[in-house]
């Protein structure tokens, strides 16, 4: 069996000779203009992504995005930035196209980040309530997203009896994986 190659430990920059760095990484300097252009593209995309994550998509999205992208879309951004200005213009054009389908006051999520956060919260809730099962707990998913008043919470609890929820789940969702396992293992231990 061959011995594993040890992982080299990082060396602080002050302990590496300049000649050694140039020998190993000098070729990267030939790509400096391309890397600078890529960094500007990445900065513009980061701005657009942050806007989408923070505000979603509404009828004002393009205006907000145009303001946030202004450093990359101005002609005074310099002659070295035409591709970044083009990318910014494309991002704005796409946003305008998407927002024109929205009704006044409508806002849509523009990324899955909020949804992923909701699923994380839902999984935490499921761990706390695992005895009842994951599937029936889906009914509470929408309740996690708001902050109901005490009166609204009381009205919802009064309108939704536990028996009604169980009947709905049995009729709508059918057998859950947990209930199938429980039935399988109960049957196995009863026949032994």
N, C-alpha and C. Protein backbone atom coordinates (compact mmCIF):
# COMPACT_ATOMS: atom_id res chain seq x y z
N UNK A 1 0.85 -1.18 0.00
CA UNK A 1 0.00 0.00 0.00
C UNK A 1 0.89 1.24 0.00
N UNK A 2 0.69 2.15 -0.97
CA UNK A 2 1.54 3.34 -1.03
C UNK A 2 1.23 4.27 0.13
N UNK A 3 2.25 4.97 0.57
CA UNK A 3 2.04 5.93 1.65
C UNK A 3 1.42 7.20 1.07
N UNK A 4 0.48 7.78 1.79
CA UNK A 4 -0.17 9.00 1.27
C UNK A 4 0.81 10.15 1.23
N UNK A 5 0.61 11.00 0.22
CA UNK A 5 1.43 12.20 0.08
C UNK A 5 0.97 13.21 1.11
N UNK A 6 1.88 13.75 1.90
CA UNK A 6 1.45 14.72 2.90
C UNK A 6 0.94 16.00 2.24
N UNK A 7 -0.06 16.59 2.86
CA UNK A 7 -0.59 17.85 2.36
C UNK A 7 0.35 18.97 2.76
N UNK A 8 0.80 19.77 1.79
CA UNK A 8 1.73 20.85 2.14
C UNK A 8 1.03 21.90 3.01
N UNK A 9 1.75 22.40 3.96
CA UNK A 9 1.20 23.45 4.81
C UNK A 9 1.41 24.79 4.13
N UNK A 10 0.43 25.69 4.25
CA UNK A 10 0.57 27.00 3.62
C UNK A 10 1.76 27.75 4.22
N UNK A 11 2.45 28.46 3.36
CA UNK A 11 3.60 29.24 3.80
C UNK A 11 3.22 30.71 3.77
N UNK A 12 3.45 31.43 4.85
CA UNK A 12 3.14 32.87 4.82
C UNK A 12 3.91 33.56 3.69
N UNK A 13 3.26 34.54 3.07
CA UNK A 13 3.85 35.21 1.90
C UNK A 13 5.23 35.80 2.22
N UNK A 14 5.45 36.23 3.43
CA UNK A 14 6.73 36.83 3.78
C UNK A 14 7.88 35.83 3.76
N UNK A 15 7.58 34.53 3.76
CA UNK A 15 8.62 33.50 3.80
C UNK A 15 8.89 32.86 2.44
N UNK A 16 8.21 33.36 1.41
CA UNK A 16 8.42 32.82 0.07
C UNK A 16 9.22 33.85 -0.73
N UNK A 17 10.24 33.37 -1.36
CA UNK A 17 11.06 34.26 -2.17
C UNK A 17 10.25 34.76 -3.38
N UNK A 18 10.44 36.00 -3.71
CA UNK A 18 9.75 36.60 -4.85
C UNK A 18 10.03 35.82 -6.13
N UNK A 19 11.28 35.40 -6.32
CA UNK A 19 11.64 34.65 -7.52
C UNK A 19 10.83 33.34 -7.61
N UNK A 20 10.62 32.70 -6.47
CA UNK A 20 9.86 31.44 -6.44
C UNK A 20 8.41 31.69 -6.84
N UNK A 21 7.80 32.77 -6.32
CA UNK A 21 6.43 33.11 -6.70
C UNK A 21 6.32 33.38 -8.20
N UNK A 22 7.27 34.14 -8.74
CA UNK A 22 7.25 34.45 -10.17
C UNK A 22 7.42 33.17 -10.98
N UNK A 23 8.29 32.28 -10.52
CA UNK A 23 8.52 31.01 -11.22
C UNK A 23 7.24 30.17 -11.28
N UNK A 24 6.52 30.10 -10.17
CA UNK A 24 5.33 29.24 -10.10
C UNK A 24 4.06 29.91 -10.61
N UNK A 25 3.89 31.21 -10.33
CA UNK A 25 2.63 31.88 -10.65
C UNK A 25 2.78 33.06 -11.60
N UNK A 26 3.93 33.28 -12.15
CA UNK A 26 4.16 34.41 -13.04
C UNK A 26 3.27 34.41 -14.25
N UNK A 27 2.88 33.24 -14.74
CA UNK A 27 2.04 33.14 -15.92
C UNK A 27 0.69 33.81 -15.73
N UNK A 28 0.22 33.93 -14.47
CA UNK A 28 -1.08 34.53 -14.20
C UNK A 28 -1.10 36.01 -14.61
N UNK A 29 0.04 36.69 -14.51
CA UNK A 29 0.06 38.12 -14.82
C UNK A 29 -0.31 38.40 -16.27
N UNK A 30 -0.13 37.43 -17.16
CA UNK A 30 -0.52 37.62 -18.56
C UNK A 30 -2.04 37.76 -18.70
N UNK A 31 -2.78 37.29 -17.70
CA UNK A 31 -4.24 37.33 -17.74
C UNK A 31 -4.81 38.47 -16.91
N UNK A 32 -3.98 39.40 -16.49
CA UNK A 32 -4.43 40.50 -15.62
C UNK A 32 -5.61 41.28 -16.21
N UNK A 33 -5.56 41.68 -17.48
CA UNK A 33 -6.72 42.41 -18.04
C UNK A 33 -7.99 41.56 -18.03
N UNK A 34 -7.86 40.28 -18.38
CA UNK A 34 -9.04 39.40 -18.39
C UNK A 34 -9.59 39.20 -16.98
N UNK A 35 -8.71 39.04 -16.01
CA UNK A 35 -9.16 38.86 -14.64
C UNK A 35 -9.83 40.12 -14.10
N UNK A 36 -9.31 41.29 -14.48
CA UNK A 36 -9.94 42.54 -14.06
C UNK A 36 -11.33 42.68 -14.68
N UNK A 37 -11.46 42.30 -15.94
CA UNK A 37 -12.76 42.36 -16.60
C UNK A 37 -13.73 41.38 -15.95
N UNK A 38 -13.25 40.17 -15.67
CA UNK A 38 -14.10 39.18 -15.00
C UNK A 38 -14.54 39.69 -13.63
N UNK A 39 -13.65 40.35 -12.90
CA UNK A 39 -14.00 40.89 -11.58
C UNK A 39 -15.11 41.94 -11.71
N UNK A 40 -15.07 42.77 -12.76
CA UNK A 40 -16.13 43.76 -12.97
C UNK A 40 -17.45 43.06 -13.30
N UNK A 41 -17.40 42.02 -14.13
CA UNK A 41 -18.62 41.24 -14.43
C UNK A 41 -19.20 40.66 -13.15
N UNK A 42 -18.32 40.07 -12.36
CA UNK A 42 -18.78 39.43 -11.12
C UNK A 42 -19.40 40.47 -10.19
N UNK A 43 -18.80 41.65 -10.11
CA UNK A 43 -19.35 42.70 -9.26
C UNK A 43 -20.75 43.11 -9.73
N UNK A 44 -20.95 43.24 -11.04
CA UNK A 44 -22.27 43.60 -11.57
C UNK A 44 -23.29 42.50 -11.29
N UNK A 45 -22.91 41.26 -11.47
CA UNK A 45 -23.82 40.14 -11.20
C UNK A 45 -24.13 40.06 -9.70
N UNK A 46 -23.13 40.32 -8.86
CA UNK A 46 -23.36 40.32 -7.41
C UNK A 46 -24.38 41.38 -7.01
N UNK A 47 -24.29 42.56 -7.64
CA UNK A 47 -25.25 43.63 -7.36
C UNK A 47 -26.66 43.18 -7.76
N UNK A 48 -26.79 42.61 -8.95
CA UNK A 48 -28.11 42.17 -9.43
C UNK A 48 -28.66 41.05 -8.54
N UNK A 49 -27.81 40.12 -8.13
CA UNK A 49 -28.25 39.03 -7.27
C UNK A 49 -28.70 39.55 -5.91
N UNK A 50 -27.94 40.48 -5.35
CA UNK A 50 -28.32 41.05 -4.05
C UNK A 50 -29.67 41.77 -4.14
N UNK A 51 -29.90 42.50 -5.24
CA UNK A 51 -31.18 43.18 -5.43
C UNK A 51 -32.32 42.16 -5.52
N UNK A 52 -32.10 41.10 -6.28
CA UNK A 52 -33.14 40.08 -6.44
C UNK A 52 -33.44 39.38 -5.12
N UNK A 53 -32.41 39.06 -4.37
CA UNK A 53 -32.61 38.39 -3.09
C UNK A 53 -33.30 39.30 -2.08
N UNK A 54 -32.95 40.56 -2.07
CA UNK A 54 -33.47 41.50 -1.08
C UNK A 54 -34.90 41.94 -1.40
N UNK A 55 -35.18 42.22 -2.68
CA UNK A 55 -36.46 42.84 -3.03
C UNK A 55 -37.38 41.95 -3.84
N UNK A 56 -36.90 40.83 -4.36
CA UNK A 56 -37.73 40.02 -5.24
C UNK A 56 -37.95 40.75 -6.56
N UNK A 57 -39.03 40.40 -7.23
CA UNK A 57 -39.36 41.01 -8.52
C UNK A 57 -40.70 41.71 -8.39
N UNK A 58 -40.71 42.99 -8.64
CA UNK A 58 -41.94 43.77 -8.66
C UNK A 58 -41.85 44.77 -9.81
N UNK A 59 -42.82 45.63 -9.93
CA UNK A 59 -42.85 46.56 -11.06
C UNK A 59 -41.83 47.68 -10.94
N UNK A 60 -41.11 47.73 -9.82
CA UNK A 60 -40.09 48.75 -9.61
C UNK A 60 -38.67 48.16 -9.63
N UNK A 61 -38.56 46.88 -9.94
CA UNK A 61 -37.26 46.20 -9.86
C UNK A 61 -36.22 46.79 -10.80
N UNK A 62 -36.60 47.08 -12.03
CA UNK A 62 -35.62 47.61 -13.00
C UNK A 62 -35.10 48.98 -12.56
N UNK A 63 -35.97 49.81 -12.00
CA UNK A 63 -35.52 51.12 -11.53
C UNK A 63 -34.49 50.96 -10.40
N UNK A 64 -34.77 50.07 -9.45
CA UNK A 64 -33.83 49.85 -8.35
C UNK A 64 -32.52 49.25 -8.87
N UNK A 65 -32.63 48.30 -9.79
CA UNK A 65 -31.43 47.67 -10.33
C UNK A 65 -30.60 48.67 -11.12
N UNK A 66 -31.25 49.53 -11.91
CA UNK A 66 -30.52 50.54 -12.68
C UNK A 66 -29.73 51.47 -11.75
N UNK A 67 -30.34 51.85 -10.64
CA UNK A 67 -29.64 52.71 -9.68
C UNK A 67 -28.44 51.98 -9.07
N UNK A 68 -28.64 50.70 -8.74
CA UNK A 68 -27.56 49.93 -8.13
C UNK A 68 -26.42 49.65 -9.12
N UNK A 69 -26.76 49.51 -10.40
CA UNK A 69 -25.75 49.21 -11.43
C UNK A 69 -25.13 50.46 -12.05
N UNK A 70 -25.56 51.63 -11.61
CA UNK A 70 -25.08 52.88 -12.22
C UNK A 70 -23.55 52.95 -12.34
N UNK A 71 -22.77 52.50 -11.36
CA UNK A 71 -21.31 52.58 -11.53
C UNK A 71 -20.80 51.79 -12.74
N UNK A 72 -21.54 50.79 -13.20
CA UNK A 72 -21.08 49.98 -14.33
C UNK A 72 -21.74 50.37 -15.65
N UNK A 73 -22.79 51.17 -15.61
CA UNK A 73 -23.51 51.49 -16.84
C UNK A 73 -23.22 52.89 -17.36
N UNK A 74 -22.61 53.74 -16.55
CA UNK A 74 -22.30 55.11 -17.00
C UNK A 74 -21.23 55.08 -18.08
N UNK A 75 -21.35 55.91 -19.09
CA UNK A 75 -20.29 56.01 -20.09
C UNK A 75 -18.98 56.45 -19.46
N UNK A 76 -19.06 57.16 -18.32
CA UNK A 76 -17.84 57.62 -17.67
C UNK A 76 -17.14 56.49 -16.90
N UNK A 77 -17.69 55.27 -16.98
CA UNK A 77 -17.05 54.14 -16.30
C UNK A 77 -15.71 53.80 -16.96
N UNK A 78 -15.46 54.37 -18.09
CA UNK A 78 -14.15 54.18 -18.72
C UNK A 78 -14.22 53.32 -19.96
N UNK A 79 -13.27 53.50 -20.86
CA UNK A 79 -13.28 52.76 -22.12
C UNK A 79 -12.96 51.28 -21.92
N UNK A 80 -12.45 50.90 -20.75
CA UNK A 80 -12.08 49.49 -20.54
C UNK A 80 -13.27 48.65 -20.07
N UNK A 81 -14.47 49.24 -19.96
CA UNK A 81 -15.61 48.53 -19.39
C UNK A 81 -16.78 48.29 -20.36
N UNK A 82 -16.59 48.23 -21.67
CA UNK A 82 -17.77 48.08 -22.54
C UNK A 82 -18.50 46.76 -22.31
N UNK A 83 -17.79 45.68 -22.02
CA UNK A 83 -18.48 44.40 -21.81
C UNK A 83 -19.25 44.40 -20.50
N UNK A 84 -18.76 45.11 -19.51
CA UNK A 84 -19.48 45.20 -18.23
C UNK A 84 -20.72 46.06 -18.40
N UNK A 85 -20.61 47.14 -19.19
CA UNK A 85 -21.79 47.95 -19.48
C UNK A 85 -22.82 47.12 -20.26
N UNK A 86 -22.35 46.28 -21.17
CA UNK A 86 -23.27 45.44 -21.94
C UNK A 86 -23.95 44.41 -21.04
N UNK A 87 -23.18 43.79 -20.15
CA UNK A 87 -23.76 42.83 -19.20
C UNK A 87 -24.80 43.51 -18.33
N UNK A 88 -24.50 44.69 -17.82
CA UNK A 88 -25.44 45.43 -16.99
C UNK A 88 -26.71 45.76 -17.78
N UNK A 89 -26.55 46.17 -19.03
CA UNK A 89 -27.71 46.48 -19.88
C UNK A 89 -28.55 45.23 -20.10
N UNK A 90 -27.89 44.08 -20.30
CA UNK A 90 -28.62 42.82 -20.48
C UNK A 90 -29.40 42.45 -19.22
N UNK A 91 -28.78 42.64 -18.04
CA UNK A 91 -29.47 42.35 -16.78
C UNK A 91 -30.70 43.25 -16.62
N UNK A 92 -30.56 44.52 -16.97
CA UNK A 92 -31.69 45.45 -16.89
C UNK A 92 -32.78 45.09 -17.90
N UNK A 93 -32.39 44.75 -19.10
CA UNK A 93 -33.37 44.37 -20.13
C UNK A 93 -34.17 43.14 -19.68
N UNK A 94 -33.48 42.16 -19.13
CA UNK A 94 -34.15 40.96 -18.64
C UNK A 94 -35.12 41.30 -17.51
N UNK A 95 -34.68 42.14 -16.59
CA UNK A 95 -35.53 42.52 -15.45
C UNK A 95 -36.76 43.27 -15.93
N UNK A 96 -36.58 44.20 -16.87
CA UNK A 96 -37.74 44.94 -17.42
C UNK A 96 -38.73 43.99 -18.09
N UNK A 97 -38.21 43.03 -18.83
CA UNK A 97 -39.07 42.06 -19.51
C UNK A 97 -39.87 41.25 -18.49
N UNK A 98 -39.21 40.82 -17.43
CA UNK A 98 -39.90 40.00 -16.42
C UNK A 98 -40.92 40.81 -15.63
N UNK A 99 -40.60 42.04 -15.29
CA UNK A 99 -41.49 42.82 -14.44
C UNK A 99 -42.73 43.30 -15.18
N UNK A 100 -42.67 43.39 -16.49
CA UNK A 100 -43.82 43.93 -17.20
C UNK A 100 -45.01 42.97 -17.17
N UNK A 101 -44.79 41.72 -16.78
CA UNK A 101 -45.89 40.75 -16.68
C UNK A 101 -46.60 40.83 -15.32
N UNK A 102 -46.09 41.65 -14.40
CA UNK A 102 -46.65 41.72 -13.05
C UNK A 102 -47.77 42.74 -12.97
N UNK A 103 -48.72 42.44 -12.10
CA UNK A 103 -49.81 43.38 -11.83
C UNK A 103 -49.32 44.40 -10.79
N UNK A 104 -49.96 45.56 -10.73
CA UNK A 104 -49.59 46.55 -9.70
C UNK A 104 -49.72 45.92 -8.31
N UNK A 105 -48.69 46.14 -7.49
CA UNK A 105 -48.69 45.62 -6.13
C UNK A 105 -48.21 44.18 -6.00
N UNK A 106 -48.03 43.49 -7.12
CA UNK A 106 -47.58 42.09 -7.07
C UNK A 106 -46.06 42.04 -6.90
N UNK A 107 -45.61 41.12 -6.06
CA UNK A 107 -44.18 40.92 -5.84
C UNK A 107 -43.94 39.41 -5.84
N UNK A 108 -42.93 38.99 -6.60
CA UNK A 108 -42.59 37.57 -6.69
C UNK A 108 -41.17 37.35 -6.18
N UNK A 109 -40.91 36.17 -5.65
CA UNK A 109 -39.52 35.88 -5.28
C UNK A 109 -38.69 35.77 -6.55
N UNK A 110 -37.47 36.27 -6.49
CA UNK A 110 -36.61 36.26 -7.67
C UNK A 110 -35.45 35.28 -7.51
N UNK A 111 -35.44 34.56 -6.41
CA UNK A 111 -34.41 33.54 -6.22
C UNK A 111 -34.97 32.48 -5.28
N UNK A 112 -34.26 31.39 -5.15
CA UNK A 112 -34.70 30.32 -4.26
C UNK A 112 -34.17 30.50 -2.85
N UNK A 113 -33.42 31.58 -2.61
CA UNK A 113 -32.81 31.78 -1.30
C UNK A 113 -33.86 31.83 -0.18
N UNK A 114 -34.94 32.57 -0.38
CA UNK A 114 -35.98 32.67 0.64
C UNK A 114 -36.66 31.31 0.84
N UNK A 115 -36.91 30.59 -0.23
CA UNK A 115 -37.52 29.27 -0.13
C UNK A 115 -36.62 28.30 0.63
N UNK A 116 -35.33 28.34 0.34
CA UNK A 116 -34.39 27.47 1.04
C UNK A 116 -34.36 27.79 2.53
N UNK A 117 -34.46 29.07 2.86
CA UNK A 117 -34.50 29.48 4.26
C UNK A 117 -35.77 28.95 4.93
N UNK A 118 -36.88 29.01 4.21
CA UNK A 118 -38.14 28.48 4.75
C UNK A 118 -38.03 26.98 5.01
N UNK A 119 -37.43 26.26 4.09
CA UNK A 119 -37.28 24.82 4.31
C UNK A 119 -36.39 24.53 5.50
N UNK A 120 -35.36 25.34 5.71
CA UNK A 120 -34.52 25.18 6.89
C UNK A 120 -35.31 25.37 8.16
N UNK A 121 -36.14 26.41 8.20
CA UNK A 121 -37.00 26.65 9.37
C UNK A 121 -38.00 25.52 9.55
N UNK A 122 -38.53 25.02 8.43
CA UNK A 122 -39.50 23.93 8.50
C UNK A 122 -38.86 22.66 9.06
N UNK A 123 -37.62 22.39 8.66
CA UNK A 123 -36.92 21.21 9.18
C UNK A 123 -36.67 21.34 10.68
N UNK A 124 -36.37 22.57 11.15
CA UNK A 124 -36.22 22.77 12.59
C UNK A 124 -37.52 22.47 13.31
N UNK A 125 -38.62 22.95 12.76
CA UNK A 125 -39.93 22.69 13.34
C UNK A 125 -40.22 21.19 13.36
N UNK A 126 -39.88 20.53 12.28
CA UNK A 126 -40.12 19.08 12.18
C UNK A 126 -39.35 18.33 13.25
N UNK A 127 -38.10 18.74 13.51
CA UNK A 127 -37.32 18.07 14.55
C UNK A 127 -37.98 18.21 15.91
N UNK A 128 -38.60 19.37 16.15
CA UNK A 128 -39.28 19.60 17.43
C UNK A 128 -40.57 18.81 17.53
N UNK A 129 -41.19 18.53 16.38
CA UNK A 129 -42.51 17.88 16.36
C UNK A 129 -42.46 16.55 15.63
N UNK A 130 -41.34 15.85 15.68
CA UNK A 130 -41.15 14.67 14.83
C UNK A 130 -42.12 13.55 15.15
N UNK A 131 -42.69 13.53 16.32
CA UNK A 131 -43.61 12.44 16.67
C UNK A 131 -44.84 12.46 15.76
N UNK A 132 -45.26 13.65 15.35
CA UNK A 132 -46.44 13.76 14.51
C UNK A 132 -46.17 13.49 13.04
N UNK A 133 -44.93 13.43 12.63
CA UNK A 133 -44.60 13.15 11.24
C UNK A 133 -44.40 14.41 10.42
N UNK A 134 -43.62 14.28 9.39
CA UNK A 134 -43.24 15.40 8.53
C UNK A 134 -44.39 15.80 7.62
N UNK A 135 -45.10 14.83 7.08
CA UNK A 135 -46.08 15.10 6.03
C UNK A 135 -47.24 15.95 6.53
N UNK A 136 -47.85 15.59 7.66
CA UNK A 136 -48.97 16.37 8.17
C UNK A 136 -48.53 17.76 8.62
N UNK A 137 -47.27 17.88 8.96
CA UNK A 137 -46.74 19.17 9.40
C UNK A 137 -46.71 20.18 8.25
N UNK A 138 -46.80 19.70 7.00
CA UNK A 138 -46.81 20.61 5.86
C UNK A 138 -47.93 21.64 5.95
N UNK A 139 -49.01 21.30 6.63
CA UNK A 139 -50.10 22.25 6.78
C UNK A 139 -49.65 23.50 7.53
N UNK A 140 -48.64 23.38 8.36
CA UNK A 140 -48.16 24.52 9.11
C UNK A 140 -47.13 25.37 8.38
N UNK A 141 -46.73 24.94 7.19
CA UNK A 141 -45.69 25.64 6.44
C UNK A 141 -46.05 27.11 6.21
N UNK A 142 -47.26 27.37 5.77
CA UNK A 142 -47.69 28.74 5.52
C UNK A 142 -47.72 29.58 6.78
N UNK A 143 -48.05 28.96 7.91
CA UNK A 143 -48.13 29.70 9.18
C UNK A 143 -46.75 30.20 9.62
N UNK A 144 -45.69 29.52 9.18
CA UNK A 144 -44.34 29.94 9.55
C UNK A 144 -43.96 31.26 8.89
N UNK A 145 -44.62 31.60 7.80
CA UNK A 145 -44.19 32.73 6.98
C UNK A 145 -44.78 34.06 7.42
N UNK A 146 -45.71 34.03 8.34
CA UNK A 146 -46.32 35.27 8.78
C UNK A 146 -46.28 35.39 10.29
N UNK A 147 -46.80 36.49 10.77
CA UNK A 147 -46.92 36.70 12.21
C UNK A 147 -48.38 37.02 12.49
N UNK A 148 -49.19 35.98 12.72
CA UNK A 148 -50.61 36.25 12.93
C UNK A 148 -50.84 36.92 14.29
N UNK A 149 -51.88 37.69 14.35
CA UNK A 149 -52.27 38.29 15.63
C UNK A 149 -52.80 37.17 16.53
N UNK A 150 -52.83 37.38 17.82
CA UNK A 150 -53.39 36.37 18.72
C UNK A 150 -54.83 36.01 18.35
N UNK A 151 -55.60 36.99 17.92
CA UNK A 151 -56.99 36.71 17.54
C UNK A 151 -57.05 35.83 16.29
N UNK A 152 -56.19 36.12 15.30
CA UNK A 152 -56.18 35.31 14.08
C UNK A 152 -55.71 33.90 14.38
N UNK A 153 -54.71 33.76 15.25
CA UNK A 153 -54.23 32.42 15.62
C UNK A 153 -55.33 31.64 16.34
N UNK A 154 -56.03 32.29 17.25
CA UNK A 154 -57.12 31.62 17.98
C UNK A 154 -58.23 31.20 17.02
N UNK A 155 -58.56 32.06 16.06
CA UNK A 155 -59.61 31.73 15.09
C UNK A 155 -59.18 30.55 14.22
N UNK A 156 -57.93 30.52 13.81
CA UNK A 156 -57.44 29.41 12.99
C UNK A 156 -57.46 28.10 13.76
N UNK A 157 -57.04 28.15 15.01
CA UNK A 157 -57.05 26.93 15.84
C UNK A 157 -58.47 26.45 16.09
N UNK A 158 -59.40 27.36 16.28
CA UNK A 158 -60.79 26.98 16.52
C UNK A 158 -61.42 26.38 15.27
N UNK A 159 -61.00 26.85 14.10
CA UNK A 159 -61.57 26.37 12.84
C UNK A 159 -60.95 25.06 12.37
N UNK A 160 -59.81 24.68 12.91
CA UNK A 160 -59.09 23.49 12.44
C UNK A 160 -58.89 22.52 13.59
N UNK A 161 -59.82 21.60 13.71
CA UNK A 161 -59.70 20.60 14.77
C UNK A 161 -58.66 19.55 14.37
N UNK A 162 -58.02 18.94 15.35
CA UNK A 162 -57.00 17.92 15.10
C UNK A 162 -57.61 16.78 14.30
N UNK A 163 -58.82 16.37 14.62
CA UNK A 163 -59.47 15.29 13.89
C UNK A 163 -59.65 15.66 12.42
N UNK A 164 -60.02 16.92 12.15
CA UNK A 164 -60.17 17.37 10.75
C UNK A 164 -58.85 17.30 10.00
N UNK A 165 -57.78 17.71 10.67
CA UNK A 165 -56.45 17.67 10.04
C UNK A 165 -56.06 16.23 9.73
N UNK A 166 -56.27 15.33 10.67
CA UNK A 166 -55.93 13.91 10.44
C UNK A 166 -56.75 13.32 9.30
N UNK A 167 -58.03 13.65 9.25
CA UNK A 167 -58.88 13.14 8.16
C UNK A 167 -58.42 13.71 6.82
N UNK A 168 -58.12 15.01 6.79
CA UNK A 168 -57.63 15.62 5.56
C UNK A 168 -56.34 14.95 5.11
N UNK A 169 -55.42 14.75 6.04
CA UNK A 169 -54.13 14.15 5.69
C UNK A 169 -54.32 12.72 5.18
N UNK A 170 -55.18 11.95 5.83
CA UNK A 170 -55.40 10.57 5.40
C UNK A 170 -56.02 10.54 4.00
N UNK A 171 -56.97 11.43 3.76
CA UNK A 171 -57.66 11.44 2.47
C UNK A 171 -56.77 12.04 1.37
N UNK A 172 -56.08 13.14 1.66
CA UNK A 172 -55.33 13.88 0.65
C UNK A 172 -53.92 13.33 0.45
N UNK A 173 -53.24 13.02 1.55
CA UNK A 173 -51.85 12.63 1.46
C UNK A 173 -51.66 11.11 1.40
N UNK A 174 -52.61 10.38 1.91
CA UNK A 174 -52.48 8.92 1.91
C UNK A 174 -51.47 8.46 2.95
N UNK A 175 -50.92 7.30 2.71
CA UNK A 175 -49.97 6.71 3.64
C UNK A 175 -48.64 7.45 3.58
N UNK A 176 -48.14 7.83 4.73
CA UNK A 176 -46.81 8.44 4.78
C UNK A 176 -45.78 7.34 4.92
N UNK A 177 -44.55 7.67 4.64
CA UNK A 177 -43.47 6.71 4.78
C UNK A 177 -43.37 6.23 6.22
N UNK A 178 -43.53 7.13 7.17
CA UNK A 178 -43.46 6.76 8.59
C UNK A 178 -44.56 5.78 8.95
N UNK A 179 -45.79 6.04 8.50
CA UNK A 179 -46.89 5.13 8.85
C UNK A 179 -46.71 3.77 8.17
N UNK A 180 -46.17 3.76 6.94
CA UNK A 180 -45.90 2.49 6.28
C UNK A 180 -44.84 1.69 7.04
N UNK A 181 -43.80 2.36 7.48
CA UNK A 181 -42.77 1.66 8.27
C UNK A 181 -43.34 1.13 9.56
N UNK A 182 -44.12 1.98 10.23
CA UNK A 182 -44.72 1.56 11.50
C UNK A 182 -45.57 0.30 11.28
N UNK A 183 -46.39 0.32 10.23
CA UNK A 183 -47.26 -0.82 9.94
C UNK A 183 -46.44 -2.06 9.59
N UNK A 184 -45.38 -1.88 8.81
CA UNK A 184 -44.52 -2.99 8.42
C UNK A 184 -43.85 -3.62 9.63
N UNK A 185 -43.26 -2.80 10.48
CA UNK A 185 -42.54 -3.33 11.63
C UNK A 185 -43.49 -3.87 12.69
N UNK A 186 -44.68 -3.28 12.82
CA UNK A 186 -45.67 -3.82 13.77
C UNK A 186 -46.10 -5.20 13.31
N UNK A 187 -46.32 -5.34 12.01
CA UNK A 187 -46.72 -6.64 11.47
C UNK A 187 -45.61 -7.67 11.62
N UNK A 188 -44.35 -7.25 11.46
CA UNK A 188 -43.23 -8.18 11.58
C UNK A 188 -43.07 -8.67 13.00
N UNK A 189 -43.28 -7.80 13.98
CA UNK A 189 -43.11 -8.24 15.37
C UNK A 189 -44.29 -9.05 15.86
N UNK A 190 -45.50 -8.83 15.29
CA UNK A 190 -46.67 -9.60 15.70
C UNK A 190 -46.64 -11.02 15.15
N UNK A 191 -45.97 -11.26 14.03
CA UNK A 191 -45.95 -12.58 13.42
C UNK A 191 -44.82 -13.44 13.95
N UNK A 192 -43.86 -12.85 14.66
CA UNK A 192 -42.70 -13.60 15.13
C UNK A 192 -43.03 -14.47 16.32
